[in-house]
Amino acid sequence: MKYKHLFFDLDHTLWDFDANAKATLQQLHIDLSLVDKGIHDFDRFYKNYLVHNEKLWERYRNGYIKQEELRIKRMWLTLLDFKIADEDLARQLSELFLQLLPTRTILFPDTKEVLQYLADKGYQLHLITNGFELTQHSKLKSSGLQNFFKQVITSEGSNSLKPQKEIFDYALMKSGAKVEESIMIGDSIEVDIAGAIAAGMDQVHVNYIGAEQTLKPTYTITELKQLKEFL
């Protein structure tokens, strides 16, 4: 086998962040009686949250904001879209969201089957994720994925973020892997693929949504089970 170490992204690649976030926010929309506060259109609330979350994560990756600001501000800005300037509610939403979200278990199709197939073939499986230590480990445990991975490298634990080369170097060191025997598997061209290229590592772009490819990955797939075709 050319590769011995497979490094996966977690959110949007294996663990369906958008579906899990939507289910969590739907529950909070009911539990916190947000309709009574003026949020009648849940779908708009959810879509606005996704937009703010993505923009704030980009700012976080670039070092412009801290973890706590990201967590609170995505809720605060979403509430402001509905003309609700309630900082206490934003904090309550943030805290409950972070408690409930990691307990959700929606995975992309064939995730466990493919991971088991790769483990049975003798690959060492690891994670490189731009997430927080406690949150990401909770997601893995709740969704039954934790036993597949030898090393779980988070941005918080490594003190660096994809696409920075440093997090990939740290992951290689922690796993005892050589770069030429390793491949990165993730959904984001700008984060997973660009970062792996900078680190000299081969890449698989998991392009579920048909995103434009501004870089040329080593491989491109549109569903996880296609990994079986070349690994």
C-alpha atoms as a PDB file:
ATOM      1  CA  MET A   1       0.000   0.000   0.000  1.00  0.00           C
ATOM      2  CA  LYS A   2       1.284   3.451  -0.895  1.00  0.00           C
ATOM      3  CA  TYR A   3      -0.501   4.998   2.100  1.00  0.00           C
ATOM      4  CA  LYS A   4      -0.352   3.801   5.685  1.00  0.00           C
ATOM      5  CA  HIS A   5      -1.904   6.765   7.508  1.00  0.00           C
ATOM      6  CA  LEU A   6      -5.271   8.272   6.568  1.00  0.00           C
ATOM      7  CA  PHE A   7      -6.095  11.649   8.104  1.00  0.00           C
ATOM      8  CA  PHE A   8      -9.785  12.571   8.054  1.00  0.00           C
ATOM      9  CA  ASP A   9     -11.581  15.840   8.634  1.00  0.00           C
ATOM     10  CA  LEU A  10     -14.605  15.427  10.946  1.00  0.00           C
ATOM     11  CA  ASP A  11     -17.258  18.138  10.437  1.00  0.00           C
ATOM     12  CA  HIS A  12     -18.847  18.196   6.962  1.00  0.00           C
ATOM     13  CA  THR A  13     -16.835  15.100   5.960  1.00  0.00           C
ATOM     14  CA  LEU A  14     -17.871  12.291   8.331  1.00  0.00           C
ATOM     15  CA  TRP A  15     -20.132  14.022  10.867  1.00  0.00           C
ATOM     16  CA  ASP A  16     -22.922  15.976   9.175  1.00  0.00           C
ATOM     17  CA  PHE A  17     -22.509  19.336  10.881  1.00  0.00           C
ATOM     18  CA  ASP A  18     -25.322  21.094   9.053  1.00  0.00           C
ATOM     19  CA  ALA A  19     -27.917  18.383   9.739  1.00  0.00           C
ATOM     20  CA  ASN A  20     -26.867  18.074  13.378  1.00  0.00           C
ATOM     21  CA  ALA A  21     -26.841  21.847  13.875  1.00  0.00           C
ATOM     22  CA  LYS A  22     -30.291  22.141  12.319  1.00  0.00           C
ATOM     23  CA  ALA A  23     -31.729  19.442  14.604  1.00  0.00           C
ATOM     24  CA  THR A  24     -30.180  21.138  17.640  1.00  0.00           C
ATOM     25  CA  LEU A  25     -31.446  24.602  16.730  1.00  0.00           C
ATOM     26  CA  GLN A  26     -34.909  23.193  16.017  1.00  0.00           C
ATOM     27  CA  GLN A  27     -34.996  21.788  19.527  1.00  0.00           C
ATOM     28  CA  LEU A  28     -33.842  25.095  21.029  1.00  0.00           C
ATOM     29  CA  HIS A  29     -36.354  27.008  18.914  1.00  0.00           C
ATOM     30  CA  ILE A  30     -39.062  25.009  20.706  1.00  0.00           C
ATOM     31  CA  ASP A  31     -37.489  24.741  24.173  1.00  0.00           C
ATOM     32  CA  LEU A  32     -36.739  28.464  24.433  1.00  0.00           C
ATOM     33  CA  SER A  33     -40.085  29.505  22.872  1.00  0.00           C
ATOM     34  CA  LEU A  34     -38.319  31.586  20.228  1.00  0.00           C
ATOM     35  CA  VAL A  35     -41.596  32.023  18.331  1.00  0.00           C
ATOM     36  CA  ASP A  36     -42.827  34.124  21.258  1.00  0.00           C
ATOM     37  CA  LYS A  37     -39.712  36.269  20.922  1.00  0.00           C
ATOM     38  CA  GLY A  38     -40.397  37.007  17.257  1.00  0.00           C
ATOM     39  CA  ILE A  39     -38.612  34.183  15.429  1.00  0.00           C
ATOM     40  CA  HIS A  40     -41.518  32.726  13.466  1.00  0.00           C
ATOM     41  CA  ASP A  41     -39.507  31.473  10.471  1.00  0.00           C
ATOM     42  CA  PHE A  42     -37.185  28.732  11.694  1.00  0.00           C
ATOM     43  CA  ASP A  43     -35.714  28.009   8.240  1.00  0.00           C
ATOM     44  CA  ARG A  44     -34.620  31.642   7.923  1.00  0.00           C
ATOM     45  CA  PHE A  45     -33.200  31.536  11.453  1.00  0.00           C
ATOM     46  CA  TYR A  46     -31.202  28.394  10.623  1.00  0.00           C
ATOM     47  CA  LYS A  47     -29.905  29.670   7.267  1.00  0.00           C
ATOM     48  CA  ASN A  48     -28.812  32.967   8.820  1.00  0.00           C
ATOM     49  CA  TYR A  49     -27.030  31.067  11.581  1.00  0.00           C
ATOM     50  CA  LEU A  50     -25.084  29.046   8.983  1.00  0.00           C
ATOM     51  CA  VAL A  51     -24.005  32.225   7.162  1.00  0.00           C
ATOM     52  CA  HIS A  52     -22.811  33.923  10.351  1.00  0.00           C
ATOM     53  CA  ASN A  53     -21.133  30.740  11.604  1.00  0.00           C
ATOM     54  CA  GLU A  54     -19.132  30.293   8.387  1.00  0.00           C
ATOM     55  CA  LYS A  55     -17.997  33.935   8.291  1.00  0.00           C
ATOM     56  CA  LEU A  56     -16.974  33.876  11.947  1.00  0.00           C
ATOM     57  CA  TRP A  57     -15.116  30.573  11.560  1.00  0.00           C
ATOM     58  CA  GLU A  58     -13.130  32.153   8.729  1.00  0.00           C
ATOM     59  CA  ARG A  59     -12.238  35.044  11.007  1.00  0.00           C
ATOM     60  CA  TYR A  60     -11.313  32.595  13.760  1.00  0.00           C
ATOM     61  CA  ARG A  61      -9.088  30.578  11.386  1.00  0.00           C
ATOM     62  CA  ASN A  62      -7.335  33.797  10.371  1.00  0.00           C
ATOM     63  CA  GLY A  63      -6.701  34.758  13.979  1.00  0.00           C
ATOM     64  CA  TYR A  64      -8.993  37.791  14.117  1.00  0.00           C
ATOM     65  CA  ILE A  65     -11.304  36.547  16.871  1.00  0.00           C
ATOM     66  CA  LYS A  66     -11.100  34.181  19.849  1.00  0.00           C
ATOM     67  CA  GLN A  67     -13.090  31.021  20.564  1.00  0.00           C
ATOM     68  CA  GLU A  68     -15.552  32.663  22.952  1.00  0.00           C
ATOM     69  CA  GLU A  69     -16.346  35.497  20.546  1.00  0.00           C
ATOM     70  CA  LEU A  70     -17.064  32.977  17.785  1.00  0.00           C
ATOM     71  CA  ARG A  71     -19.451  31.019  19.980  1.00  0.00           C
ATOM     72  CA  ILE A  72     -21.447  33.983  21.268  1.00  0.00           C
ATOM     73  CA  LYS A  73     -21.373  36.208  18.204  1.00  0.00           C
ATOM     74  CA  ARG A  74     -22.880  33.653  15.796  1.00  0.00           C
ATOM     75  CA  MET A  75     -25.974  33.566  18.014  1.00  0.00           C
ATOM     76  CA  TRP A  76     -25.988  37.317  18.697  1.00  0.00           C
ATOM     77  CA  LEU A  77     -25.842  38.201  14.989  1.00  0.00           C
ATOM     78  CA  THR A  78     -28.543  35.678  14.117  1.00  0.00           C
ATOM     79  CA  LEU A  79     -30.828  37.167  16.774  1.00  0.00           C
ATOM     80  CA  LEU A  80     -30.098  40.685  15.486  1.00  0.00           C
ATOM     81  CA  ASP A  81     -31.384  39.594  12.058  1.00  0.00           C
ATOM     82  CA  PHE A  82     -34.745  39.287  13.811  1.00  0.00           C
ATOM     83  CA  LYS A  83     -34.271  42.618  15.625  1.00  0.00           C
ATOM     84  CA  ILE A  84     -33.655  40.839  18.947  1.00  0.00           C
ATOM     85  CA  ALA A  85     -30.829  42.582  20.837  1.00  0.00           C
ATOM     86  CA  ASP A  86     -30.776  40.216  23.808  1.00  0.00           C
ATOM     87  CA  GLU A  87     -27.270  39.328  24.959  1.00  0.00           C
ATOM     88  CA  ASP A  88     -28.538  37.007  27.710  1.00  0.00           C
ATOM     89  CA  LEU A  89     -30.545  35.027  25.174  1.00  0.00           C
ATOM     90  CA  ALA A  90     -27.534  34.838  22.856  1.00  0.00           C
ATOM     91  CA  ARG A  91     -25.443  33.424  25.703  1.00  0.00           C
ATOM     92  CA  GLN A  92     -28.165  30.959  26.676  1.00  0.00           C
ATOM     93  CA  LEU A  93     -28.488  29.802  23.070  1.00  0.00           C
ATOM     94  CA  SER A  94     -24.726  29.416  22.776  1.00  0.00           C
ATOM     95  CA  GLU A  95     -24.376  27.411  25.979  1.00  0.00           C
ATOM     96  CA  LEU A  96     -27.277  25.067  25.256  1.00  0.00           C
ATOM     97  CA  PHE A  97     -26.214  24.650  21.629  1.00  0.00           C
ATOM     98  CA  LEU A  98     -22.715  23.598  22.715  1.00  0.00           C
ATOM     99  CA  GLN A  99     -24.184  21.143  25.212  1.00  0.00           C
ATOM    100  CA  LEU A 100     -26.621  19.534  22.788  1.00  0.00           C
ATOM    101  CA  LEU A 101     -24.811  19.655  19.430  1.00  0.00           C
ATOM    102  CA  PRO A 102     -22.038  17.151  20.258  1.00  0.00           C
ATOM    103  CA  THR A 103     -24.635  14.570  21.332  1.00  0.00           C
ATOM    104  CA  ARG A 104     -26.139  14.465  17.822  1.00  0.00           C
ATOM    105  CA  THR A 105     -25.361  11.412  15.734  1.00  0.00           C
ATOM    106  CA  ILE A 106     -26.145  12.150  12.076  1.00  0.00           C
ATOM    107  CA  LEU A 107     -23.278  10.910   9.876  1.00  0.00           C
ATOM    108  CA  PHE A 108     -22.824  11.059   6.125  1.00  0.00           C
ATOM    109  CA  PRO A 109     -23.895   7.884   4.275  1.00  0.00           C
ATOM    110  CA  ASP A 110     -21.606   4.847   4.617  1.00  0.00           C
ATOM    111  CA  THR A 111     -19.302   6.522   7.165  1.00  0.00           C
ATOM    112  CA  LYS A 112     -18.974   3.598   9.588  1.00  0.00           C
ATOM    113  CA  GLU A 113     -18.915   0.984   6.843  1.00  0.00           C
ATOM    114  CA  VAL A 114     -16.089   2.759   5.017  1.00  0.00           C
ATOM    115  CA  LEU A 115     -14.058   3.400   8.190  1.00  0.00           C
ATOM    116  CA  GLN A 116     -14.397  -0.262   9.165  1.00  0.00           C
ATOM    117  CA  TYR A 117     -13.326  -1.341   5.673  1.00  0.00           C
ATOM    118  CA  LEU A 118     -10.226   0.862   5.839  1.00  0.00           C
ATOM    119  CA  ALA A 119      -9.353  -0.268   9.365  1.00  0.00           C
ATOM    120  CA  ASP A 120      -9.723  -3.927   8.310  1.00  0.00           C
ATOM    121  CA  LYS A 121      -7.301  -3.295   5.443  1.00  0.00           C
ATOM    122  CA  GLY A 122      -4.687  -2.187   7.982  1.00  0.00           C
ATOM    123  CA  TYR A 123      -4.696   1.575   7.525  1.00  0.00           C
ATOM    124  CA  GLN A 124      -4.020   3.759  10.561  1.00  0.00           C
ATOM    125  CA  LEU A 125      -6.898   6.229  10.806  1.00  0.00           C
ATOM    126  CA  HIS A 126      -6.545   9.677  12.388  1.00  0.00           C
ATOM    127  CA  LEU A 127      -8.463  12.958  12.544  1.00  0.00           C
ATOM    128  CA  ILE A 128      -7.325  16.526  11.912  1.00  0.00           C
ATOM    129  CA  THR A 129     -10.162  18.858  12.870  1.00  0.00           C
ATOM    130  CA  ASN A 130     -10.586  22.601  13.318  1.00  0.00           C
ATOM    131  CA  GLY A 131     -12.661  22.050  16.411  1.00  0.00           C
ATOM    132  CA  PHE A 132     -12.476  22.307  20.158  1.00  0.00           C
ATOM    133  CA  GLU A 133     -11.092  19.381  22.133  1.00  0.00           C
ATOM    134  CA  LEU A 134     -14.060  18.563  24.370  1.00  0.00           C
ATOM    135  CA  THR A 135     -16.664  19.177  21.658  1.00  0.00           C
ATOM    136  CA  GLN A 136     -15.011  17.008  19.010  1.00  0.00           C
ATOM    137  CA  HIS A 137     -14.352  14.076  21.363  1.00  0.00           C
ATOM    138  CA  SER A 138     -17.988  14.262  22.488  1.00  0.00           C
ATOM    139  CA  LYS A 139     -19.155  14.078  18.856  1.00  0.00           C
ATOM    140  CA  LEU A 140     -16.979  11.010  18.261  1.00  0.00           C
ATOM    141  CA  LYS A 141     -18.230   9.232  21.367  1.00  0.00           C
ATOM    142  CA  SER A 142     -21.908  10.016  20.778  1.00  0.00           C
ATOM    143  CA  SER A 143     -21.825   8.939  17.139  1.00  0.00           C
ATOM    144  CA  GLY A 144     -19.803   5.774  17.746  1.00  0.00           C
ATOM    145  CA  LEU A 145     -16.706   6.853  15.828  1.00  0.00           C
ATOM    146  CA  GLN A 146     -14.115   7.193  18.585  1.00  0.00           C
ATOM    147  CA  ASN A 147     -12.694   3.660  18.321  1.00  0.00           C
ATOM    148  CA  PHE A 148     -11.772   4.067  14.657  1.00  0.00           C
ATOM    149  CA  PHE A 149      -9.112   6.736  15.239  1.00  0.00           C
ATOM    150  CA  LYS A 150      -5.623   6.373  16.682  1.00  0.00           C
ATOM    151  CA  GLN A 151      -4.930  10.091  16.970  1.00  0.00           C
ATOM    152  CA  VAL A 152      -7.433  12.956  17.180  1.00  0.00           C
ATOM    153  CA  ILE A 153      -5.720  16.244  16.399  1.00  0.00           C
ATOM    154  CA  THR A 154      -7.828  19.314  17.159  1.00  0.00           C
ATOM    155  CA  SER A 155      -7.002  22.927  16.462  1.00  0.00           C
ATOM    156  CA  GLU A 156      -7.307  23.618  20.180  1.00  0.00           C
ATOM    157  CA  GLY A 157      -5.015  20.744  21.157  1.00  0.00           C
ATOM    158  CA  SER A 158      -2.381  21.553  18.545  1.00  0.00           C
ATOM    159  CA  ASN A 159      -2.578  25.347  18.942  1.00  0.00           C
ATOM    160  CA  SER A 160      -2.878  25.705  15.169  1.00  0.00           C
ATOM    161  CA  LEU A 161      -5.614  25.570  12.550  1.00  0.00           C
ATOM    162  CA  LYS A 162      -6.042  24.104   9.099  1.00  0.00           C
ATOM    163  CA  PRO A 163      -4.935  25.235   6.544  1.00  0.00           C
ATOM    164  CA  GLN A 164      -1.781  26.132   8.494  1.00  0.00           C
ATOM    165  CA  LYS A 165       1.072  23.742   7.796  1.00  0.00           C
ATOM    166  CA  GLU A 166       1.814  23.494  11.529  1.00  0.00           C
ATOM    167  CA  ILE A 167      -1.281  21.432  12.371  1.00  0.00           C
ATOM    168  CA  PHE A 168      -0.362  18.869   9.714  1.00  0.00           C
ATOM    169  CA  ASP A 169       3.235  18.708  10.951  1.00  0.00           C
ATOM    170  CA  TYR A 170       1.910  18.216  14.485  1.00  0.00           C
ATOM    171  CA  ALA A 171      -0.431  15.449  13.311  1.00  0.00           C
ATOM    172  CA  LEU A 172       2.409  13.644  11.533  1.00  0.00           C
ATOM    173  CA  MET A 173       4.571  13.885  14.634  1.00  0.00           C
ATOM    174  CA  LYS A 174       1.824  12.659  16.981  1.00  0.00           C
ATOM    175  CA  SER A 175       0.952   9.704  14.758  1.00  0.00           C
ATOM    176  CA  GLY A 176       4.525   8.773  13.862  1.00  0.00           C
ATOM    177  CA  ALA A 177       3.618   9.030  10.182  1.00  0.00           C
ATOM    178  CA  LYS A 178       5.781   9.943   7.213  1.00  0.00           C
ATOM    179  CA  VAL A 179       4.273  12.528   4.897  1.00  0.00           C
ATOM    180  CA  GLU A 180       4.771  10.356   1.812  1.00  0.00           C
ATOM    181  CA  GLU A 181       2.768   7.545   3.471  1.00  0.00           C
ATOM    182  CA  SER A 182      -0.104   9.861   4.453  1.00  0.00           C
ATOM    183  CA  ILE A 183      -3.204  11.294   2.810  1.00  0.00           C
ATOM    184  CA  MET A 184      -5.721  13.932   3.964  1.00  0.00           C
ATOM    185  CA  ILE A 185      -9.439  13.333   3.350  1.00  0.00           C
ATOM    186  CA  GLY A 186     -11.745  16.352   3.722  1.00  0.00           C
ATOM    187  CA  ASP A 187     -14.552  18.415   2.235  1.00  0.00           C
ATOM    188  CA  SER A 188     -12.964  21.874   2.101  1.00  0.00           C
ATOM    189  CA  ILE A 189     -10.680  22.938  -0.732  1.00  0.00           C
ATOM    190  CA  GLU A 190      -9.566  26.062   1.157  1.00  0.00           C
ATOM    191  CA  VAL A 191      -8.959  24.328   4.491  1.00  0.00           C
ATOM    192  CA  ASP A 192      -8.300  20.585   4.088  1.00  0.00           C
ATOM    193  CA  ILE A 193      -6.876  20.388   0.579  1.00  0.00           C
ATOM    194  CA  ALA A 194      -4.859  23.621   0.616  1.00  0.00           C
ATOM    195  CA  GLY A 195      -3.433  22.773   4.028  1.00  0.00           C
ATOM    196  CA  ALA A 196      -2.413  19.258   2.997  1.00  0.00           C
ATOM    197  CA  ILE A 197      -0.788  20.571  -0.182  1.00  0.00           C
ATOM    198  CA  ALA A 198       1.218  23.069   1.894  1.00  0.00           C
ATOM    199  CA  ALA A 199       2.334  20.195   4.134  1.00  0.00           C
ATOM    200  CA  GLY A 200       3.375  18.051   1.143  1.00  0.00           C
ATOM    201  CA  MET A 201       0.619  15.491   1.791  1.00  0.00           C
ATOM    202  CA  ASP A 202      -1.626  13.874  -0.827  1.00  0.00           C
ATOM    203  CA  GLN A 203      -5.314  14.733  -0.585  1.00  0.00           C
ATOM    204  CA  VAL A 204      -8.841  13.471  -1.244  1.00  0.00           C
ATOM    205  CA  HIS A 205     -11.476  16.143  -1.802  1.00  0.00           C
ATOM    206  CA  VAL A 206     -14.839  14.831  -0.590  1.00  0.00           C
ATOM    207  CA  ASN A 207     -16.936  17.056  -2.819  1.00  0.00           C
ATOM    208  CA  TYR A 208     -20.482  16.281  -1.695  1.00  0.00           C
ATOM    209  CA  ILE A 209     -21.940  19.544  -2.986  1.00  0.00           C
ATOM    210  CA  GLY A 210     -20.131  19.916  -6.308  1.00  0.00           C
ATOM    211  CA  ALA A 211     -18.079  22.882  -5.092  1.00  0.00           C
ATOM    212  CA  GLU A 212     -15.770  24.640  -7.510  1.00  0.00           C
ATOM    213  CA  GLN A 213     -12.230  23.304  -7.215  1.00  0.00           C
ATOM    214  CA  THR A 214      -9.769  26.166  -7.148  1.00  0.00           C
ATOM    215  CA  LEU A 215      -6.973  23.650  -6.534  1.00  0.00           C
ATOM    216  CA  LYS A 216      -6.384  20.227  -8.084  1.00  0.00           C
ATOM    217  CA  PRO A 217      -6.522  17.509  -5.411  1.00  0.00           C
ATOM    218  CA  THR A 218      -4.799  14.164  -5.763  1.00  0.00           C
ATOM    219  CA  TYR A 219      -8.256  12.534  -5.810  1.00  0.00           C
ATOM    220  CA  THR A 220     -11.849  13.774  -5.857  1.00  0.00           C
ATOM    221  CA  ILE A 221     -14.880  11.798  -4.673  1.00  0.00           C
ATOM    222  CA  THR A 222     -18.545  12.673  -4.254  1.00  0.00           C
ATOM    223  CA  GLU A 223     -19.404   9.985  -1.672  1.00  0.00           C
ATOM    224  CA  LEU A 224     -17.327   8.220   0.973  1.00  0.00           C
ATOM    225  CA  LYS A 225     -17.728   4.718  -0.421  1.00  0.00           C
ATOM    226  CA  GLN A 226     -15.662   5.778  -3.450  1.00  0.00           C
ATOM    227  CA  LEU A 227     -12.598   5.612  -1.156  1.00  0.00           C
ATOM    228  CA  LYS A 228     -12.776   1.839  -1.620  1.00  0.00           C
ATOM    229  CA  GLU A 229     -11.881   2.288  -5.288  1.00  0.00           C
ATOM    230  CA  PHE A 230      -8.309   3.390  -4.595  1.00  0.00           C
ATOM    231  CA  LEU A 231      -7.573   2.684  -0.923  1.00  0.00           C
END
